[in-house]
Amino acid sequence: MRALGLSSAYRTLLTCSPHPSGKRFNSSSGQKPVSHAQVYTDLIPGMVPIALLGSAVYLGLRLWQTSLAQEKYLDEARSRVAALEAELDSLRKQPKIIAEDGDPITQPGTSKRLWFF
């Protein structure tokens, strides 16, 4: 281990594994490591890159979905505005009906006055 240039603290971490009871056992003293500890030691380092990759893919897909939803909303809003503008143009082009007294006739139920007092 000294040939690899490892510090003594790191070497201690490599040779000692945590025990469920809170005690540490030294693998060099001949004790056998707990089987579930070995499973976690083998699985966790390999799962970290997969979890990071999965998170990155998920976040990328959510961002893409959000941008597509916003684009769809904007397209629908533009088409609604265009339809309302077309309706407004057609209403403006309709001839105004003028009454005998010279005032334009408004649609029933509408009044020019806003206040009735």
N, C-alpha and C. Protein backbone atom coordinates (compact mmCIF):
# COMPACT_ATOMS: atom_id res chain seq x y z
N MET A 1 0.81 -1.18 0.00
CA MET A 1 0.00 0.00 0.00
C MET A 1 0.86 1.26 0.00
N ARG A 2 2.00 1.19 0.63
CA ARG A 2 2.86 2.35 0.69
C ARG A 2 3.40 2.67 -0.70
N ALA A 3 3.55 1.66 -1.53
CA ALA A 3 4.07 1.87 -2.88
C ALA A 3 3.08 2.67 -3.72
N LEU A 4 1.79 2.56 -3.42
CA LEU A 4 0.79 3.30 -4.16
C LEU A 4 0.71 4.76 -3.71
N GLY A 5 1.33 5.09 -2.60
CA GLY A 5 1.31 6.46 -2.12
C GLY A 5 0.03 6.81 -1.36
N LEU A 6 -0.62 5.83 -0.78
CA LEU A 6 -1.85 6.07 -0.05
C LEU A 6 -1.54 6.54 1.36
N SER A 7 -2.29 7.48 1.84
CA SER A 7 -2.09 7.96 3.20
C SER A 7 -2.57 6.91 4.18
N SER A 8 -2.17 7.06 5.42
CA SER A 8 -2.54 6.08 6.43
C SER A 8 -4.03 6.14 6.73
N ALA A 9 -4.65 7.32 6.66
CA ALA A 9 -6.09 7.43 6.92
C ALA A 9 -6.88 6.71 5.82
N TYR A 10 -6.47 6.90 4.58
CA TYR A 10 -7.16 6.24 3.47
C TYR A 10 -6.95 4.73 3.54
N ARG A 11 -5.76 4.31 3.93
CA ARG A 11 -5.46 2.88 4.05
C ARG A 11 -6.33 2.27 5.14
N THR A 12 -6.57 3.02 6.22
CA THR A 12 -7.43 2.53 7.30
C THR A 12 -8.86 2.37 6.79
N LEU A 13 -9.32 3.32 5.98
CA LEU A 13 -10.66 3.22 5.42
C LEU A 13 -10.80 2.01 4.50
N LEU A 14 -9.74 1.69 3.79
CA LEU A 14 -9.79 0.54 2.89
C LEU A 14 -9.82 -0.78 3.63
N THR A 15 -9.15 -0.85 4.77
CA THR A 15 -9.04 -2.13 5.48
C THR A 15 -10.14 -2.33 6.50
N CYS A 16 -10.81 -1.25 6.95
CA CYS A 16 -11.86 -1.38 7.96
C CYS A 16 -13.21 -1.09 7.32
N SER A 17 -14.19 -1.88 7.69
CA SER A 17 -15.55 -1.68 7.21
C SER A 17 -16.46 -1.51 8.41
N PRO A 18 -17.52 -0.72 8.28
CA PRO A 18 -18.42 -0.55 9.42
C PRO A 18 -19.19 -1.83 9.71
N HIS A 19 -19.48 -2.04 10.95
CA HIS A 19 -20.23 -3.21 11.40
C HIS A 19 -21.59 -2.71 11.89
N PRO A 20 -22.66 -3.50 11.71
CA PRO A 20 -23.98 -3.04 12.13
C PRO A 20 -24.06 -2.67 13.61
N SER A 21 -23.27 -3.26 14.45
CA SER A 21 -23.32 -2.94 15.88
C SER A 21 -22.58 -1.65 16.20
N GLY A 22 -21.97 -1.02 15.22
CA GLY A 22 -21.23 0.21 15.44
C GLY A 22 -19.76 -0.04 15.65
N LYS A 23 -19.38 -1.28 15.85
CA LYS A 23 -17.97 -1.61 16.03
C LYS A 23 -17.34 -1.80 14.66
N ARG A 24 -16.07 -1.52 14.59
CA ARG A 24 -15.36 -1.74 13.33
C ARG A 24 -14.55 -3.03 13.46
N PHE A 25 -14.47 -3.73 12.35
CA PHE A 25 -13.62 -4.91 12.36
C PHE A 25 -12.53 -4.70 11.32
N ASN A 26 -11.43 -5.27 11.58
CA ASN A 26 -10.28 -5.11 10.71
C ASN A 26 -10.18 -6.36 9.84
N SER A 27 -10.20 -6.15 8.51
CA SER A 27 -10.16 -7.31 7.62
C SER A 27 -8.79 -7.99 7.65
N SER A 28 -7.77 -7.27 8.10
CA SER A 28 -6.45 -7.89 8.16
C SER A 28 -6.31 -8.78 9.39
N SER A 29 -7.23 -8.66 10.36
CA SER A 29 -7.12 -9.47 11.57
C SER A 29 -7.74 -10.85 11.38
N GLY A 30 -8.29 -11.12 10.21
CA GLY A 30 -8.82 -12.45 9.94
C GLY A 30 -10.32 -12.55 10.09
N GLN A 31 -10.99 -11.51 10.57
CA GLN A 31 -12.44 -11.58 10.68
C GLN A 31 -13.06 -11.48 9.29
N LYS A 32 -14.16 -12.20 9.15
CA LYS A 32 -14.85 -12.20 7.87
C LYS A 32 -15.82 -11.01 7.80
N PRO A 33 -15.86 -10.25 6.69
CA PRO A 33 -16.80 -9.14 6.60
C PRO A 33 -18.24 -9.64 6.52
N VAL A 34 -19.17 -8.83 6.95
CA VAL A 34 -20.59 -9.16 6.92
C VAL A 34 -21.03 -9.19 5.45
N SER A 35 -21.86 -10.16 5.10
CA SER A 35 -22.21 -10.36 3.69
C SER A 35 -22.99 -9.18 3.11
N HIS A 36 -23.93 -8.61 3.88
CA HIS A 36 -24.69 -7.49 3.32
C HIS A 36 -23.81 -6.25 3.17
N ALA A 37 -22.80 -6.09 4.00
CA ALA A 37 -21.89 -4.97 3.85
C ALA A 37 -21.10 -5.09 2.56
N GLN A 38 -20.72 -6.31 2.21
CA GLN A 38 -20.00 -6.54 0.97
C GLN A 38 -20.88 -6.25 -0.24
N VAL A 39 -22.18 -6.61 -0.14
CA VAL A 39 -23.10 -6.34 -1.24
C VAL A 39 -23.22 -4.84 -1.46
N TYR A 40 -23.40 -4.07 -0.37
CA TYR A 40 -23.50 -2.62 -0.51
C TYR A 40 -22.20 -2.01 -1.02
N THR A 41 -21.08 -2.54 -0.57
CA THR A 41 -19.79 -2.04 -1.03
C THR A 41 -19.61 -2.27 -2.52
N ASP A 42 -20.16 -3.36 -3.03
CA ASP A 42 -20.04 -3.65 -4.46
C ASP A 42 -21.05 -2.88 -5.30
N LEU A 43 -22.27 -2.66 -4.78
CA LEU A 43 -23.33 -2.06 -5.58
C LEU A 43 -23.34 -0.54 -5.61
N ILE A 44 -23.14 0.09 -4.49
CA ILE A 44 -23.31 1.54 -4.39
C ILE A 44 -22.39 2.31 -5.34
N PRO A 45 -21.11 2.02 -5.42
CA PRO A 45 -20.27 2.80 -6.35
C PRO A 45 -20.70 2.66 -7.81
N GLY A 46 -21.23 1.52 -8.18
CA GLY A 46 -21.68 1.35 -9.56
C GLY A 46 -23.02 2.01 -9.83
N MET A 47 -23.82 2.23 -8.79
CA MET A 47 -25.13 2.83 -8.97
C MET A 47 -25.09 4.35 -9.05
N VAL A 48 -24.05 4.97 -8.56
CA VAL A 48 -23.96 6.43 -8.55
C VAL A 48 -23.96 7.00 -9.97
N PRO A 49 -23.13 6.51 -10.90
CA PRO A 49 -23.18 7.07 -12.25
C PRO A 49 -24.52 6.81 -12.94
N ILE A 50 -25.14 5.68 -12.66
CA ILE A 50 -26.43 5.38 -13.27
C ILE A 50 -27.49 6.33 -12.73
N ALA A 51 -27.46 6.61 -11.44
CA ALA A 51 -28.42 7.55 -10.85
C ALA A 51 -28.21 8.96 -11.41
N LEU A 52 -26.97 9.37 -11.56
CA LEU A 52 -26.70 10.70 -12.13
C LEU A 52 -27.16 10.78 -13.57
N LEU A 53 -26.89 9.74 -14.35
CA LEU A 53 -27.33 9.73 -15.74
C LEU A 53 -28.85 9.73 -15.84
N GLY A 54 -29.49 8.92 -15.02
CA GLY A 54 -30.95 8.88 -15.03
C GLY A 54 -31.55 10.21 -14.63
N SER A 55 -30.98 10.87 -13.64
CA SER A 55 -31.47 12.19 -13.23
C SER A 55 -31.29 13.21 -14.34
N ALA A 56 -30.15 13.17 -15.01
CA ALA A 56 -29.91 14.12 -16.10
C ALA A 56 -30.89 13.89 -17.25
N VAL A 57 -31.14 12.64 -17.59
CA VAL A 57 -32.09 12.33 -18.66
C VAL A 57 -33.50 12.78 -18.26
N TYR A 58 -33.90 12.51 -17.03
CA TYR A 58 -35.23 12.91 -16.55
C TYR A 58 -35.40 14.42 -16.60
N LEU A 59 -34.42 15.15 -16.09
CA LEU A 59 -34.51 16.60 -16.08
C LEU A 59 -34.52 17.17 -17.49
N GLY A 60 -33.75 16.57 -18.39
CA GLY A 60 -33.76 17.01 -19.78
C GLY A 60 -35.11 16.79 -20.44
N LEU A 61 -35.72 15.63 -20.18
CA LEU A 61 -37.03 15.36 -20.76
C LEU A 61 -38.10 16.28 -20.17
N ARG A 62 -38.02 16.58 -18.87
CA ARG A 62 -38.99 17.50 -18.27
C ARG A 62 -38.85 18.91 -18.85
N LEU A 63 -37.61 19.35 -19.08
CA LEU A 63 -37.38 20.65 -19.69
C LEU A 63 -37.95 20.69 -21.10
N TRP A 64 -37.74 19.63 -21.85
CA TRP A 64 -38.26 19.54 -23.22
C TRP A 64 -39.78 19.56 -23.20
N GLN A 65 -40.39 18.82 -22.30
CA GLN A 65 -41.85 18.78 -22.20
C GLN A 65 -42.40 20.16 -21.84
N THR A 66 -41.74 20.85 -20.93
CA THR A 66 -42.19 22.19 -20.54
C THR A 66 -42.10 23.16 -21.71
N SER A 67 -41.00 23.10 -22.45
CA SER A 67 -40.86 24.02 -23.59
C SER A 67 -41.88 23.70 -24.68
N LEU A 68 -42.17 22.41 -24.91
CA LEU A 68 -43.19 22.05 -25.90
C LEU A 68 -44.58 22.48 -25.45
N ALA A 69 -44.88 22.35 -24.17
CA ALA A 69 -46.18 22.78 -23.65
C ALA A 69 -46.34 24.29 -23.79
N GLN A 70 -45.28 25.04 -23.53
CA GLN A 70 -45.35 26.49 -23.68
C GLN A 70 -45.53 26.87 -25.14
N GLU A 71 -44.83 26.18 -26.03
CA GLU A 71 -44.97 26.46 -27.46
C GLU A 71 -46.40 26.16 -27.94
N LYS A 72 -46.98 25.07 -27.44
CA LYS A 72 -48.35 24.73 -27.80
C LYS A 72 -49.32 25.81 -27.30
N TYR A 73 -49.12 26.26 -26.07
CA TYR A 73 -49.97 27.30 -25.51
C TYR A 73 -49.88 28.59 -26.33
N LEU A 74 -48.65 28.97 -26.73
CA LEU A 74 -48.47 30.17 -27.53
C LEU A 74 -49.13 30.04 -28.90
N ASP A 75 -49.04 28.87 -29.52
CA ASP A 75 -49.70 28.65 -30.80
C ASP A 75 -51.21 28.77 -30.68
N GLU A 76 -51.79 28.19 -29.61
CA GLU A 76 -53.22 28.29 -29.40
C GLU A 76 -53.63 29.73 -29.12
N ALA A 77 -52.83 30.46 -28.37
CA ALA A 77 -53.15 31.86 -28.08
C ALA A 77 -53.08 32.71 -29.34
N ARG A 78 -52.08 32.45 -30.19
CA ARG A 78 -51.97 33.20 -31.45
C ARG A 78 -53.16 32.92 -32.35
N SER A 79 -53.58 31.66 -32.42
CA SER A 79 -54.74 31.35 -33.28
C SER A 79 -56.01 31.98 -32.71
N ARG A 80 -56.15 32.03 -31.39
CA ARG A 80 -57.32 32.66 -30.77
C ARG A 80 -57.32 34.16 -31.04
N VAL A 81 -56.15 34.80 -30.94
CA VAL A 81 -56.04 36.23 -31.23
C VAL A 81 -56.37 36.50 -32.69
N ALA A 82 -55.88 35.66 -33.59
CA ALA A 82 -56.17 35.84 -35.01
C ALA A 82 -57.68 35.71 -35.27
N ALA A 83 -58.33 34.75 -34.63
CA ALA A 83 -59.78 34.59 -34.81
C ALA A 83 -60.53 35.79 -34.25
N LEU A 84 -60.12 36.30 -33.12
CA LEU A 84 -60.77 37.48 -32.55
C LEU A 84 -60.54 38.73 -33.41
N GLU A 85 -59.34 38.86 -33.97
CA GLU A 85 -59.08 39.99 -34.86
C GLU A 85 -59.92 39.90 -36.13
N ALA A 86 -60.07 38.69 -36.66
CA ALA A 86 -60.91 38.51 -37.85
C ALA A 86 -62.36 38.85 -37.53
N GLU A 87 -62.83 38.43 -36.38
CA GLU A 87 -64.20 38.76 -35.97
C GLU A 87 -64.36 40.27 -35.78
N LEU A 88 -63.37 40.91 -35.22
CA LEU A 88 -63.41 42.35 -35.02
C LEU A 88 -63.43 43.08 -36.36
N ASP A 89 -62.61 42.64 -37.30
CA ASP A 89 -62.60 43.26 -38.63
C ASP A 89 -63.95 43.10 -39.33
N SER A 90 -64.54 41.91 -39.21
CA SER A 90 -65.85 41.71 -39.86
C SER A 90 -66.92 42.58 -39.21
N LEU A 91 -66.85 42.78 -37.90
CA LEU A 91 -67.82 43.65 -37.24
C LEU A 91 -67.61 45.11 -37.61
N ARG A 92 -66.37 45.51 -37.80
CA ARG A 92 -66.09 46.89 -38.19
C ARG A 92 -66.55 47.17 -39.62
N LYS A 93 -66.53 46.17 -40.48
CA LYS A 93 -66.92 46.36 -41.88
C LYS A 93 -68.43 46.35 -42.08
N GLN A 94 -69.18 45.91 -41.11
CA GLN A 94 -70.63 45.92 -41.24
C GLN A 94 -71.11 47.36 -41.26
N PRO A 95 -72.10 47.64 -42.12
CA PRO A 95 -72.59 49.03 -42.17
C PRO A 95 -73.36 49.37 -40.90
N LYS A 96 -73.19 50.60 -40.47
CA LYS A 96 -73.90 51.06 -39.29
C LYS A 96 -75.30 51.48 -39.70
N ILE A 97 -76.28 51.12 -38.92
CA ILE A 97 -77.66 51.49 -39.18
C ILE A 97 -77.90 52.81 -38.45
N ILE A 98 -78.34 53.79 -39.20
CA ILE A 98 -78.56 55.11 -38.62
C ILE A 98 -80.07 55.32 -38.45
N ALA A 99 -80.44 55.75 -37.30
CA ALA A 99 -81.86 55.99 -36.99
C ALA A 99 -82.33 57.28 -37.65
N GLU A 100 -83.60 57.53 -37.55
CA GLU A 100 -84.19 58.72 -38.18
C GLU A 100 -83.67 60.01 -37.56
N ASP A 101 -83.28 59.95 -36.28
CA ASP A 101 -82.80 61.16 -35.64
C ASP A 101 -81.31 61.41 -35.86
N GLY A 102 -80.63 60.53 -36.58
CA GLY A 102 -79.22 60.74 -36.91
C GLY A 102 -78.26 60.00 -36.01
N ASP A 103 -78.76 59.39 -34.93
CA ASP A 103 -77.87 58.61 -34.05
C ASP A 103 -77.75 57.19 -34.56
N PRO A 104 -76.54 56.60 -34.49
CA PRO A 104 -76.44 55.20 -34.87
C PRO A 104 -77.20 54.32 -33.88
N ILE A 105 -77.85 53.31 -34.40
CA ILE A 105 -78.61 52.39 -33.56
C ILE A 105 -77.65 51.35 -33.00
N THR A 106 -77.72 51.20 -31.71
CA THR A 106 -76.88 50.19 -31.07
C THR A 106 -77.70 48.92 -30.90
N GLN A 107 -77.02 47.86 -30.58
CA GLN A 107 -77.71 46.59 -30.38
C GLN A 107 -78.60 46.69 -29.16
N PRO A 108 -79.69 45.94 -29.13
CA PRO A 108 -80.58 46.00 -27.98
C PRO A 108 -79.85 45.59 -26.71
N GLY A 109 -80.16 46.28 -25.64
CA GLY A 109 -79.57 45.95 -24.35
C GLY A 109 -78.30 46.72 -24.06
N THR A 110 -77.78 47.48 -25.02
CA THR A 110 -76.59 48.27 -24.76
C THR A 110 -76.97 49.72 -24.71
N SER A 111 -76.26 50.49 -23.99
CA SER A 111 -76.54 51.91 -23.84
C SER A 111 -75.27 52.69 -23.94
N LYS A 112 -75.39 53.92 -24.41
CA LYS A 112 -74.20 54.77 -24.50
C LYS A 112 -73.81 55.31 -23.13
N ARG A 113 -74.79 55.43 -22.26
CA ARG A 113 -74.51 55.97 -20.93
C ARG A 113 -73.95 54.86 -20.02
N LEU A 114 -72.95 55.24 -19.25
CA LEU A 114 -72.39 54.29 -18.31
C LEU A 114 -73.05 54.41 -16.94
N TRP A 115 -73.47 55.63 -16.60
CA TRP A 115 -74.05 55.86 -15.29
C TRP A 115 -75.50 56.33 -15.46
N PHE A 116 -76.35 55.87 -14.62
CA PHE A 116 -77.76 56.16 -14.74
C PHE A 116 -78.22 57.20 -13.73
N PHE A 117 -77.38 57.98 -13.16
CA PHE A 117 -77.83 59.00 -12.21
C PHE A 117 -77.37 60.36 -12.65
